[in-house]
Protein backbone atom coordinates (compact mmCIF):
# COMPACT_ATOMS: atom_id res chain seq x y z
CA MET A 1 12.59 27.31 -10.82
CA SER A 2 15.81 25.49 -10.00
CA ALA A 3 16.01 21.84 -11.05
CA ARG A 4 17.69 21.11 -7.70
CA ARG A 5 14.36 21.42 -5.90
CA TRP A 6 13.39 17.99 -7.30
CA ASN A 7 15.90 16.16 -5.11
CA VAL A 8 13.79 14.81 -2.22
CA ALA A 9 16.81 14.46 0.08
CA GLU A 10 17.68 18.10 -0.49
CA ALA A 11 14.08 19.06 0.31
CA PHE A 12 14.45 17.14 3.58
CA ALA A 13 17.69 19.02 4.28
CA ARG A 14 15.84 22.33 3.90
CA ALA A 15 13.32 21.15 6.51
CA ALA A 16 16.24 20.25 8.76
CA GLU A 17 17.69 23.76 8.41
CA ARG A 18 14.38 25.24 9.59
CA SER A 19 14.21 23.10 12.75
CA PRO A 20 17.60 21.47 13.43
CA GLU A 21 16.87 20.70 17.12
CA LYS A 22 13.45 19.16 16.56
CA VAL A 23 13.18 15.37 16.80
CA ALA A 24 12.97 14.00 13.25
CA LEU A 25 13.03 10.24 13.73
CA VAL A 26 12.18 7.97 16.65
CA GLY A 27 13.32 4.35 16.31
CA ALA A 28 11.38 1.25 17.24
CA ARG A 29 12.16 -0.49 20.52
CA ALA A 30 15.12 -2.69 19.67
CA ASN A 31 14.83 -5.06 22.63
CA GLY A 32 11.15 -5.35 23.44
CA PRO A 33 8.87 -3.47 25.88
CA GLY A 34 10.63 -1.05 28.17
CA SER A 35 13.83 -0.88 26.10
CA ALA A 36 15.21 2.45 24.93
CA ARG A 37 14.41 4.09 21.62
CA GLU A 38 17.11 5.76 19.58
CA GLN A 39 16.12 9.09 18.11
CA LEU A 40 17.67 11.71 15.87
CA THR A 41 16.99 15.41 15.51
CA PHE A 42 16.58 16.91 12.06
CA GLY A 43 20.05 18.39 12.31
CA GLU A 44 21.64 15.08 13.34
CA LEU A 45 19.80 13.15 10.65
CA ALA A 46 20.83 15.66 7.98
CA ARG A 47 24.48 15.42 9.06
CA ARG A 48 24.37 11.62 8.90
CA VAL A 49 22.76 11.70 5.46
CA ARG A 50 25.47 13.95 4.05
CA ALA A 51 28.25 11.88 5.64
CA CYS A 52 26.72 8.63 4.38
CA ALA A 53 26.47 10.15 0.89
CA ALA A 54 30.24 10.71 1.03
CA GLY A 55 30.65 7.09 2.11
CA TRP A 56 28.64 5.78 -0.84
CA ALA A 57 30.75 7.94 -3.16
CA ARG A 58 33.97 6.51 -1.69
CA LEU A 59 32.63 2.99 -2.42
CA GLY A 60 32.05 4.03 -6.04
CA VAL A 61 28.26 4.23 -6.00
CA GLY A 62 27.01 7.18 -8.02
CA ARG A 63 24.16 8.89 -9.77
CA GLY A 64 21.75 6.71 -11.70
CA GLU A 65 23.02 3.42 -10.26
CA ARG A 66 20.41 1.06 -8.83
CA VAL A 67 20.75 -0.02 -5.20
CA LEU A 68 18.68 -2.85 -3.74
CA ILE A 69 17.00 -1.91 -0.45
CA MET A 70 16.37 -5.07 1.54
CA ALA A 71 16.14 -4.05 5.19
CA HIS A 72 13.52 -3.41 7.84
CA PRO A 73 12.67 0.26 8.43
CA SER A 74 15.16 1.64 10.95
CA LEU A 75 17.30 4.71 11.50
CA ASP A 76 20.07 3.13 9.40
CA PHE A 77 17.53 2.26 6.69
CA LEU A 78 16.38 5.86 6.41
CA VAL A 79 19.90 7.34 6.52
CA GLY A 80 20.95 4.91 3.80
CA VAL A 81 17.99 5.64 1.53
CA LEU A 82 18.12 9.43 1.93
CA SER A 83 21.87 9.46 1.28
CA LEU A 84 21.37 7.46 -1.91
CA GLN A 85 18.75 9.92 -3.08
CA TRP A 86 21.10 12.78 -2.17
CA ILE A 87 23.67 11.51 -4.67
CA GLY A 88 21.04 10.66 -7.30
CA ALA A 89 21.30 6.86 -7.02
CA VAL A 90 18.09 4.87 -7.51
CA PRO A 91 16.88 2.79 -4.54
CA VAL A 92 15.06 -0.40 -5.55
CA PHE A 93 12.66 -1.43 -2.79
CA LEU A 94 11.84 -5.11 -2.35
CA ASP A 95 8.95 -6.29 -0.17
CA GLY A 96 10.17 -8.54 2.63
CA GLY A 97 6.75 -10.16 2.89
CA LEU A 98 7.04 -11.91 -0.49
CA PRO A 99 8.07 -15.56 -0.79
CA VAL A 100 11.84 -16.04 -0.94
CA GLU A 101 11.84 -17.53 -4.45
CA ARG A 102 9.92 -14.51 -5.74
CA ILE A 103 12.27 -12.10 -3.96
CA LEU A 104 15.31 -13.76 -5.55
CA ARG A 105 13.72 -13.51 -8.98
CA LEU A 106 13.16 -9.78 -8.47
CA VAL A 107 16.72 -9.35 -7.19
CA ALA A 108 18.04 -10.78 -10.45
CA GLU A 109 15.66 -8.60 -12.48
CA ALA A 110 16.78 -5.43 -10.69
CA ASP A 111 20.39 -5.94 -11.91
CA ALA A 112 21.58 -3.56 -9.19
CA ALA A 113 25.09 -2.28 -8.54
CA ALA A 114 24.79 -2.19 -4.76
CA LEU A 115 22.85 -3.61 -1.84
CA LEU A 116 21.67 -2.06 1.44
CA ALA A 117 20.66 -5.03 3.58
CA SER A 118 19.84 -6.34 7.03
CA ALA A 119 21.69 -9.29 8.54
CA GLU A 120 19.16 -11.92 7.43
CA VAL A 121 19.36 -10.71 3.83
CA LEU A 122 23.15 -10.98 3.94
CA GLN A 123 22.66 -14.61 5.01
CA LEU A 124 20.24 -15.13 2.12
CA ARG A 125 22.79 -13.68 -0.30
CA ALA A 126 25.48 -16.04 1.02
CA ALA A 127 23.16 -18.99 0.35
CA ALA A 128 22.00 -17.80 -3.08
CA LEU A 129 24.72 -15.76 -4.75
CA ALA A 130 23.58 -16.08 -8.36
CA PRO A 131 20.65 -13.59 -8.25
CA PHE A 132 22.98 -11.02 -6.63
CA GLN A 133 25.75 -11.37 -9.20
CA SER A 134 25.45 -7.76 -10.43
CA VAL A 135 26.02 -6.39 -6.91
CA ARG A 136 29.55 -5.06 -6.39
CA VAL A 137 29.00 -3.04 -3.17
CA VAL A 138 27.23 -4.30 -0.02
CA VAL A 139 26.33 -2.10 2.95
CA ALA A 140 24.77 -3.45 6.14
CA THR A 141 22.20 -1.84 8.40
CA GLY A 142 22.78 -2.38 12.10
CA VAL A 143 26.11 -3.75 13.31
CA ALA A 144 29.06 -4.23 10.96
CA ASP A 145 28.99 -7.56 9.14
CA ALA A 146 31.86 -9.46 7.56
CA ALA A 147 29.64 -10.18 4.56
CA ALA A 148 29.39 -6.44 3.82
CA ASP A 149 31.88 -3.86 2.58
CA ALA A 150 30.74 -1.46 5.30
CA SER A 151 27.89 -0.66 7.65
CA VAL A 152 25.77 2.49 7.47
CA ALA A 153 27.44 3.64 10.69
CA GLU A 154 30.88 3.19 9.09
CA LEU A 155 29.81 5.15 6.00
CA CYS A 156 28.62 7.95 8.28
CA GLY A 157 32.11 8.04 9.78
CA VAL A 158 33.84 8.79 6.47
CA ASP A 159 35.82 12.07 6.70
CA ASP A 160 35.41 12.98 3.02
CA ALA A 161 33.61 16.21 2.21
CA PRO A 162 29.99 15.40 1.35
CA PRO A 163 29.10 15.72 -2.32
CA ALA A 164 26.61 18.30 -3.48
CA ALA A 165 23.04 17.10 -3.80
CA ALA A 166 22.44 15.77 -7.31
CA PRO A 167 20.41 18.25 -9.38
CA LEU A 168 17.34 16.40 -10.63
CA ALA A 169 14.60 17.13 -13.14
CA PRO A 170 10.92 16.23 -12.58
CA ASP A 171 11.14 13.13 -14.77
CA ASP A 172 14.41 11.81 -13.28
CA LEU A 173 14.18 8.39 -11.67
CA VAL A 174 14.34 8.45 -7.83
CA GLY A 175 13.25 4.91 -7.01
CA ILE A 176 11.78 1.61 -8.17
CA VAL A 177 9.00 -0.03 -6.15
CA PHE A 178 7.65 -3.45 -7.04
CA THR A 179 3.92 -4.08 -7.12
CA SER A 180 2.49 -6.64 -4.72
CA GLY A 181 1.95 -9.20 -7.48
CA SER A 182 -1.60 -9.92 -6.30
CA THR A 183 -2.69 -10.44 -9.92
CA GLY A 184 0.59 -11.73 -11.36
CA LEU A 185 4.37 -11.42 -11.09
CA PRO A 186 5.39 -8.17 -9.33
CA LYS A 187 6.45 -5.38 -11.68
CA GLY A 188 8.97 -2.65 -10.93
CA VAL A 189 7.28 0.75 -10.99
CA GLU A 190 9.65 3.56 -11.95
CA PHE A 191 9.18 6.48 -9.54
CA THR A 192 10.13 9.94 -10.75
CA ALA A 193 10.91 13.02 -8.70
CA GLU A 194 7.58 14.53 -9.78
CA MET A 195 5.70 11.50 -8.43
CA ALA A 196 7.50 11.79 -5.09
CA PHE A 197 6.65 15.46 -4.69
CA ALA A 198 3.02 14.88 -5.74
CA GLY A 199 2.66 12.44 -2.85
CA VAL A 200 3.95 15.11 -0.48
CA ASP A 201 1.42 17.57 -1.92
CA TRP A 202 -1.39 15.16 -0.94
CA LEU A 203 -0.12 15.00 2.64
CA ALA A 204 -0.02 18.79 2.80
CA ALA A 205 -3.51 19.06 1.26
CA THR A 206 -4.94 17.03 4.14
CA GLY A 207 -3.72 19.73 6.52
CA LEU A 208 -0.66 17.83 7.75
CA GLY A 209 2.57 19.67 8.45
CA ALA A 210 5.50 20.31 10.77
CA ASP A 211 3.39 20.16 13.94
CA ASP A 212 2.34 16.56 13.27
CA VAL A 213 3.80 13.23 14.39
CA TYR A 214 3.66 10.35 11.91
CA LEU A 215 3.56 6.69 12.96
CA ALA A 216 5.20 5.07 9.93
CA ILE A 217 3.20 1.88 9.51
CA LEU A 218 3.62 2.37 5.76
CA PRO A 219 7.30 3.36 5.32
CA SER A 220 6.54 4.75 1.84
CA HIS A 221 5.43 8.03 3.44
CA LEU A 222 8.47 8.43 5.69
CA ILE A 223 10.50 10.72 3.46
CA GLY A 224 7.49 12.81 2.45
CA SER A 225 6.58 13.36 6.10
CA LEU A 226 10.15 14.41 6.90
CA MET A 227 10.10 16.80 3.93
CA LEU A 228 7.12 18.51 5.60
CA GLY A 229 9.02 18.72 8.89
CA MET A 230 7.03 16.05 10.75
CA THR A 231 8.48 13.91 13.49
CA CYS A 232 8.37 10.30 12.28
CA VAL A 233 8.02 7.34 14.65
CA LEU A 234 8.92 3.82 13.54
CA PRO A 235 6.36 1.28 14.80
CA ASP A 236 7.12 -1.64 17.11
CA ILE A 237 5.68 -4.17 14.63
CA ASP A 238 6.85 -6.04 11.55
CA VAL A 239 5.52 -3.69 8.86
CA SER A 240 5.87 -6.41 6.21
CA ARG A 241 3.12 -8.40 8.00
CA PRO A 242 0.56 -5.85 9.19
CA GLY A 243 -2.23 -8.44 9.47
CA ALA A 244 -0.24 -10.23 12.20
CA ALA A 245 0.43 -7.14 14.31
CA ASP A 246 -0.51 -6.85 17.98
CA PRO A 247 -3.02 -3.96 17.98
CA ARG A 248 -2.25 -3.14 21.62
CA VAL A 249 1.29 -2.24 20.57
CA ILE A 250 0.01 0.21 17.96
CA VAL A 251 -2.44 1.90 20.32
CA ASP A 252 0.16 2.12 23.09
CA GLN A 253 2.66 3.72 20.71
CA VAL A 254 0.13 6.23 19.37
CA LEU A 255 -0.64 7.35 22.91
CA GLU A 256 2.98 7.28 24.13
CA ARG A 257 4.37 9.38 21.26
CA ASP A 258 1.39 11.76 20.81
CA VAL A 259 0.94 10.55 17.23
CA THR A 260 -1.36 12.73 15.12
CA PHE A 261 -1.17 10.99 11.73
CA THR A 262 -0.81 7.47 10.43
CA ILE A 263 -1.72 5.45 7.37
CA GLY A 264 -2.13 1.69 7.17
CA PRO A 265 -3.98 -1.12 5.40
CA PRO A 266 -7.50 -2.33 6.29
CA SER A 267 -6.09 -5.53 7.83
CA LEU A 268 -4.22 -3.55 10.49
CA TRP A 269 -6.98 -1.06 11.15
CA THR A 270 -9.48 -3.87 11.59
CA LEU A 271 -7.28 -5.32 14.36
CA VAL A 272 -6.75 -1.91 15.99
CA ALA A 273 -10.39 -0.81 15.83
CA GLU A 274 -11.72 -4.13 17.14
CA HIS A 275 -9.20 -4.02 20.00
CA CYS A 276 -10.31 -0.48 20.89
CA ALA A 277 -13.98 -1.53 20.84
CA ARG A 278 -13.33 -4.57 23.08
CA ASP A 279 -11.15 -2.72 25.60
CA ALA A 280 -12.95 0.64 25.48
CA ARG A 281 -9.82 2.47 24.32
CA THR A 282 -9.56 5.55 22.10
CA MET A 283 -6.77 7.56 20.46
CA PRO A 284 -7.99 11.15 20.91
CA GLY A 285 -4.77 12.76 19.66
CA LEU A 286 -4.95 11.29 16.15
CA ARG A 287 -5.98 14.01 13.67
CA VAL A 288 -5.75 12.07 10.40
CA VAL A 289 -5.97 8.33 9.82
CA ALA A 290 -5.71 7.09 6.24
CA ILE A 291 -6.68 3.52 5.34
CA SER A 292 -5.19 2.35 2.05
CA GLY A 293 -4.32 -0.84 0.19
CA ALA A 294 -7.76 -2.34 -0.46
CA ALA A 295 -11.42 -1.35 -0.53
CA VAL A 296 -12.60 -0.08 2.86
CA ALA A 297 -16.07 -1.14 4.00
CA PRO A 298 -18.32 1.32 5.86
CA LYS A 299 -18.39 -1.16 8.78
CA LEU A 300 -14.66 -0.65 9.31
CA LEU A 301 -14.97 3.13 8.97
CA ARG A 302 -17.53 3.20 11.81
CA LEU A 303 -15.22 1.21 14.06
CA VAL A 304 -12.17 3.36 13.31
CA ARG A 305 -14.09 6.59 13.83
CA ALA A 306 -15.13 5.36 17.28
CA ALA A 307 -11.46 4.67 18.08
CA VAL A 308 -10.36 8.08 16.75
CA PRO A 309 -13.02 10.43 18.14
CA ASN A 310 -11.25 13.69 17.25
CA GLY A 311 -9.76 12.73 13.89
CA GLU A 312 -10.73 12.42 10.26
CA VAL A 313 -10.59 8.97 8.70
CA ARG A 314 -9.69 9.04 5.00
CA THR A 315 -9.68 6.31 2.36
CA PRO A 316 -7.46 7.37 -0.57
CA LEU A 317 -7.47 5.22 -3.71
CA GLY A 318 -4.37 4.50 -5.72
CA ALA A 319 -1.94 1.85 -6.78
CA THR A 320 1.80 1.32 -6.69
CA GLU A 321 1.75 2.94 -10.15
CA GLY A 322 0.32 6.13 -8.69
CA SER A 323 -1.05 6.95 -5.25
CA PRO A 324 -3.23 8.53 -4.23
CA ILE A 325 -5.48 9.51 -7.12
CA THR A 326 -8.75 10.00 -5.25
CA ASP A 327 -9.63 10.69 -1.62
CA ILE A 328 -12.70 10.81 0.60
CA GLY A 329 -13.40 11.11 4.33
CA ALA A 330 -15.52 8.87 6.53
CA ARG A 331 -17.84 11.76 7.43
CA GLU A 332 -18.96 11.91 3.81
CA VAL A 333 -19.14 8.14 3.39
CA LEU A 334 -21.17 7.27 6.48
CA GLY A 335 -24.55 8.43 5.25
CA GLU A 336 -26.24 8.00 1.91
CA ILE A 337 -23.02 6.62 0.41
CA ALA A 338 -22.84 3.77 2.95
CA GLU A 339 -26.52 3.03 2.36
CA ALA A 340 -25.89 2.79 -1.39
CA THR A 341 -22.93 0.47 -0.76
CA ALA A 342 -25.17 -1.84 1.27
CA ARG A 343 -27.64 -1.90 -1.64
CA GLY A 344 -24.93 -3.05 -4.07
CA ALA A 345 -23.60 0.22 -5.50
CA GLY A 346 -19.95 -0.59 -4.76
CA VAL A 347 -17.50 1.37 -2.59
CA CYS A 348 -17.21 5.14 -3.10
CA VAL A 349 -13.55 6.24 -3.10
CA GLY A 350 -14.20 9.94 -3.56
CA ARG A 351 -13.13 12.52 -6.10
CA CYS A 352 -9.86 13.02 -7.96
CA LEU A 353 -7.14 15.04 -6.33
CA ALA A 354 -6.41 18.46 -7.78
CA GLY A 355 -4.34 18.23 -10.95
CA HIS A 356 -5.33 14.60 -11.59
CA GLN A 357 -7.96 12.92 -13.72
CA LEU A 358 -9.81 9.61 -13.60
CA ARG A 359 -12.00 8.33 -16.42
CA VAL A 360 -13.98 5.19 -17.17
CA ILE A 361 -13.43 3.31 -20.42
CA GLU A 362 -14.89 0.23 -22.02
CA ILE A 363 -13.32 -2.95 -20.64
CA THR A 364 -11.01 -4.75 -23.03
CA ASP A 365 -7.98 -7.00 -22.64
CA ARG A 366 -6.31 -5.43 -25.71
CA PRO A 367 -3.40 -2.98 -25.36
CA LEU A 368 -4.52 0.59 -26.08
CA SER A 369 -1.56 2.54 -27.39
CA SER A 370 -3.45 5.78 -28.03
CA TRP A 371 -6.60 7.50 -26.79
CA SER A 372 -8.13 7.17 -30.27
CA GLN A 373 -8.57 3.45 -29.51
CA VAL A 374 -10.46 4.14 -26.30
CA THR A 375 -14.22 4.06 -25.85
CA GLU A 376 -14.96 6.40 -22.94
CA LEU A 377 -18.11 5.61 -20.95
CA PRO A 378 -20.66 8.08 -19.52
CA SER A 379 -21.46 8.63 -15.84
CA GLY A 380 -23.09 5.61 -14.24
CA ALA A 381 -21.65 3.06 -16.69
CA ILE A 382 -19.23 0.51 -15.23
CA GLY A 383 -15.94 0.11 -17.03
CA GLU A 384 -12.19 0.13 -16.46
CA LEU A 385 -10.77 2.94 -14.36
CA VAL A 386 -7.84 4.85 -15.88
CA MET A 387 -5.90 7.64 -14.20
CA SER A 388 -3.58 10.46 -15.17
CA GLY A 389 -1.64 13.11 -13.31
CA PRO A 390 1.61 13.89 -11.48
CA VAL A 391 1.45 10.79 -9.24
CA VAL A 392 1.13 8.41 -12.20
CA SER A 393 4.16 6.40 -13.36
CA ARG A 394 5.15 6.33 -17.02
CA ARG A 395 6.59 2.81 -17.26
CA TYR A 396 7.62 -0.42 -15.60
CA PHE A 397 11.31 -1.18 -15.20
CA ARG A 398 12.47 -3.33 -18.15
CA ARG A 399 8.94 -4.57 -18.83
CA PRO A 400 7.99 -3.11 -22.25
CA ALA A 401 5.13 -5.57 -22.85
CA GLU A 402 3.55 -4.85 -19.45
CA THR A 403 4.06 -1.12 -19.97
CA ALA A 404 2.30 -1.29 -23.34
CA ALA A 405 -0.57 -3.26 -21.80
CA SER A 406 -1.05 -0.76 -18.94
CA LYS A 407 -0.42 2.68 -20.43
CA ILE A 408 -2.36 4.84 -22.89
CA LEU A 409 -0.95 7.97 -24.55
CA ASP A 410 -3.52 10.68 -25.26
CA GLU A 411 -3.44 13.39 -27.92
CA HIS A 412 -1.74 15.82 -25.50
CA GLY A 413 1.12 13.45 -24.72
CA GLN A 414 -0.34 12.61 -21.31
CA ILE A 415 0.08 9.08 -19.92
CA TRP A 416 -3.01 7.28 -18.60
CA HIS A 417 -2.54 4.23 -16.40
CA ARG A 418 -5.01 1.35 -16.62
CA LEU A 419 -5.70 0.38 -13.02
CA GLY A 420 -7.13 -3.05 -13.76
CA ASP A 421 -10.06 -2.02 -11.55
CA CYS A 422 -13.65 -1.60 -12.63
CA GLY A 423 -15.99 1.12 -11.43
CA TYR A 424 -17.97 4.16 -12.48
CA LEU A 425 -18.42 7.89 -11.97
CA ASP A 426 -21.64 9.22 -10.45
CA ASP A 427 -23.33 12.48 -11.40
CA GLN A 428 -21.37 14.30 -8.66
CA GLY A 429 -18.02 13.24 -10.10
CA ARG A 430 -17.37 10.71 -7.36
CA VAL A 431 -15.62 7.43 -8.20
CA TRP A 432 -17.20 4.11 -7.21
CA TYR A 433 -15.04 1.00 -7.04
CA CYS A 434 -16.65 -2.31 -8.05
CA GLY A 435 -13.70 -4.73 -7.93
CA ARG A 436 -10.81 -5.99 -10.02
CA ILE A 437 -11.47 -6.72 -13.68
CA ALA A 438 -9.84 -10.12 -13.20
CA HIS A 439 -12.51 -10.92 -10.59
CA ILE A 440 -15.60 -10.20 -12.71
CA ALA A 441 -17.97 -13.18 -12.68
CA THR A 442 -20.86 -13.80 -15.08
CA ARG A 443 -24.51 -14.72 -14.73
CA GLY A 444 -26.61 -15.35 -17.84
CA GLY A 445 -23.95 -13.71 -19.98
CA GLN A 446 -23.98 -10.54 -17.85
CA PRO A 447 -21.08 -9.33 -15.67
CA VAL A 448 -21.29 -9.63 -11.90
CA TYR A 449 -18.87 -7.35 -10.02
CA SER A 450 -17.21 -8.80 -6.92
CA VAL A 451 -17.14 -5.80 -4.56
CA GLN A 452 -20.70 -4.74 -5.39
CA VAL A 453 -21.97 -8.17 -4.28
CA GLU A 454 -19.64 -8.67 -1.32
CA GLU A 455 -20.45 -5.35 0.35
CA VAL A 456 -24.13 -6.30 0.46
CA PHE A 457 -23.22 -9.09 2.91
CA ASN A 458 -20.15 -7.69 4.68
CA ASP A 459 -22.15 -5.65 7.20
CA LEU A 460 -24.21 -8.62 8.44
CA PRO A 461 -23.68 -9.63 12.09
CA GLY A 462 -21.35 -12.59 12.24
CA VAL A 463 -19.67 -11.83 8.89
CA ALA A 464 -16.06 -10.63 8.93
CA ARG A 465 -15.86 -10.41 5.12
CA THR A 466 -16.87 -12.27 2.00
CA ALA A 467 -15.47 -13.10 -1.41
CA LEU A 468 -17.45 -13.81 -4.58
CA VAL A 469 -15.81 -16.49 -6.72
CA GLN A 470 -16.74 -18.51 -9.76
CA PRO A 471 -14.91 -21.87 -9.81
CA ARG A 472 -13.65 -22.94 -13.21
CA GLY A 473 -14.62 -19.74 -14.99
CA GLU A 474 -17.70 -18.63 -16.88
CA ALA A 475 -21.03 -20.46 -16.89
CA THR A 476 -20.30 -22.14 -13.56
CA PRO A 477 -21.89 -21.41 -10.17
CA LEU A 478 -21.54 -18.19 -8.26
CA VAL A 479 -20.15 -18.95 -4.81
CA LEU A 480 -20.02 -16.58 -1.85
CA VAL A 481 -17.15 -17.57 0.45
CA VAL A 482 -17.65 -16.25 3.98
CA GLU A 483 -15.11 -15.52 6.69
CA ARG A 484 -16.93 -15.48 10.01
CA GLU A 485 -16.28 -13.00 12.78
CA ALA A 486 -14.26 -14.47 15.61
CA VAL A 487 -16.45 -16.29 18.15
CA ALA A 488 -15.72 -15.35 21.75
CA PRO A 489 -15.10 -18.12 24.28
CA GLY A 490 -18.37 -19.40 25.73
CA ALA A 491 -20.40 -18.17 22.75
CA PRO A 492 -23.12 -20.43 21.32
CA GLY A 493 -21.89 -23.55 19.50
CA SER A 494 -20.78 -23.17 15.91
CA PRO A 495 -23.41 -25.40 14.20
CA ALA A 496 -26.31 -23.31 15.51
CA SER A 497 -24.57 -20.01 14.79
CA LEU A 498 -23.65 -21.22 11.32
CA ASP A 499 -27.27 -22.06 10.57
CA ALA A 500 -28.40 -18.65 11.82
CA LEU A 501 -25.74 -16.88 9.75
CA ARG A 502 -26.68 -18.84 6.64
CA ARG A 503 -30.32 -17.81 7.11
CA ARG A 504 -29.27 -14.14 7.41
CA ILE A 505 -27.21 -14.40 4.22
CA ASP A 506 -30.06 -16.10 2.34
CA ALA A 507 -32.52 -13.45 3.52
CA ARG A 508 -30.19 -10.62 2.46
CA ALA A 509 -29.69 -12.23 -0.96
CA ARG A 510 -33.46 -12.42 -1.48
CA GLU A 511 -33.91 -8.85 -0.26
CA ARG A 512 -31.30 -7.52 -2.69
CA GLU A 513 -32.30 -9.89 -5.51
CA ILE A 514 -28.84 -11.43 -5.69
CA SER A 515 -28.71 -14.94 -7.11
CA LEU A 516 -26.08 -17.11 -5.40
CA ASP A 517 -25.64 -20.79 -6.15
CA HIS A 518 -23.67 -21.66 -3.02
CA VAL A 519 -22.54 -20.14 0.27
CA LEU A 520 -19.40 -21.69 1.75
CA PHE A 521 -17.85 -20.90 5.12
CA TYR A 522 -14.07 -20.70 5.00
CA PRO A 523 -12.24 -22.43 7.88
CA GLY A 524 -10.31 -19.41 9.09
CA PRO A 525 -9.24 -16.00 7.74
CA LEU A 526 -9.53 -15.61 3.97
CA PRO A 527 -6.19 -15.77 2.11
CA VAL A 528 -4.81 -12.30 1.41
CA ASP A 529 -1.92 -10.58 -0.40
CA ALA A 530 1.58 -10.59 1.09
CA ARG A 531 2.07 -6.80 1.22
CA HIS A 532 -0.99 -5.28 2.90
CA ASN A 533 -2.62 -8.52 4.10
CA SER A 534 -5.90 -6.98 2.90
CA LYS A 535 -6.56 -7.88 -0.76
CA ILE A 536 -8.42 -11.19 -0.91
CA GLU A 537 -6.75 -13.85 -3.07
CA ARG A 538 -9.88 -14.82 -4.98
CA ALA A 539 -8.10 -17.14 -7.41
CA GLU A 540 -6.91 -19.26 -4.48
CA LEU A 541 -10.42 -19.20 -3.01
CA ALA A 542 -11.93 -20.30 -6.32
CA GLN A 543 -9.70 -23.39 -6.30
CA TRP A 544 -10.69 -24.12 -2.71
CA ALA A 545 -14.39 -23.72 -3.55
CA ALA A 546 -14.06 -26.05 -6.53
CA ALA A 547 -12.62 -28.73 -4.24
CA GLU A 548 -15.40 -28.20 -1.68
CA LEU A 549 -18.31 -28.44 -4.10
CA PRO A 550 -19.52 -31.68 -5.68
CA LEU A 551 -18.30 -32.08 -9.26
CA ALA A 552 -21.91 -32.01 -10.46
CA ALA A 553 -22.30 -28.52 -9.00
CA ILE A 554 -19.53 -27.02 -11.13
CA ALA A 555 -19.80 -29.08 -14.30
């Protein structure tokens, strides 16, 4: 097997050779509803990628050099990234939804040689040069900018002969993606060529291929979809803030472009599914919808299935450090599994993908350098979830302490990643997710798992979602914080509906023998992570709850 097959840009080029006249990429509307969309065929996109690779080479950017990617998904964005991967450079992706001070800290940590940036990022760089001091080459997406050495369009106009695609091995670095930082400072996950191809294998295993059209709500699957020969459509929303998207725009675009596949976080699919239910709309052409980024409640699966009557709804589990690792479809969930979730069993996330493994080990905050230090737990016992396989990263970029805390080396030289999640395996080999380890509460010295408790209440009428928190740590009250479903205009007044909802929650707690000290109603949507707008920020909620409760209640 040739090592050159591990270059993802070269794999895309092979797809382009098979169907050069097929539309590869459809841009978002640049100027609002009714405006034109730019699009490129596979042949045109491949030509631009090769030309842009020659442009990077002329600027002195080469194999192994890190390049910051700080731009919205666009045709220029994709040409720039693919051309960097063609020459073997290492794109470093930064999440535009993070706070500016955090972004600048990550820019400095990346220590990159070059920058591919949108106009607003170039303005940020002009105002804060110090974090960008390692950058010697700047390329702009969109129109040419005086603050950049060149634009992507100018690089594509270089007359130099394109370089050959860099020959890569499976463990060669092809990208760095920072975690969301929902439980701490974001860490740079080193992506290898093997990890990239394993993600493509999952797409193919779901039955997706060249006949499909992908709406790229999560840009991370753009290149993989192109490698399979799919047409990719960029959405008319800000993908860095999916929880603020207009669901009508998504549904319109799915119908307009005959989209058959998309993947997005629960926050977005909640908006889309609720819109479809209110306006009696469906998306019959969608074949596969994947919901990823946080635990997916059966209530949401029912809504999405109604909106996608002819498709399969899937809920893969993974992390930035490796995704996906398990997968399951709504048809399997919405039966005895959903009933078990409502009884407090947690959320079933399915079985491991072929070639991957997931095990449950005893929870500890100690680093575990070798498998000999691990206590593996039997089926049914809740512990920390650890995963291994081709999608799993080996290390964090320049974070040896965090790497040591998160990775375990077994006797066969295989790396296991500690997910920081707790859960268990059932007797059918299915994985059940019970919450983050950092969110485990205690009652009478015994652990109480957040997701197991929350899902008991999340399907109640009037409840949008809940969060279990324990202000000020152990031996203090258990508090269920409730986000209410939106109340339609003209609906009954809030005091009466609040009383009724509180009675329903109290009755469910008694029915399930769950001991809660307090139920608090949050004044608006619960705070969530910056990336997917779906993971509840329980630490922030615990502080809020502590301020809401009398001091005597949490002493």
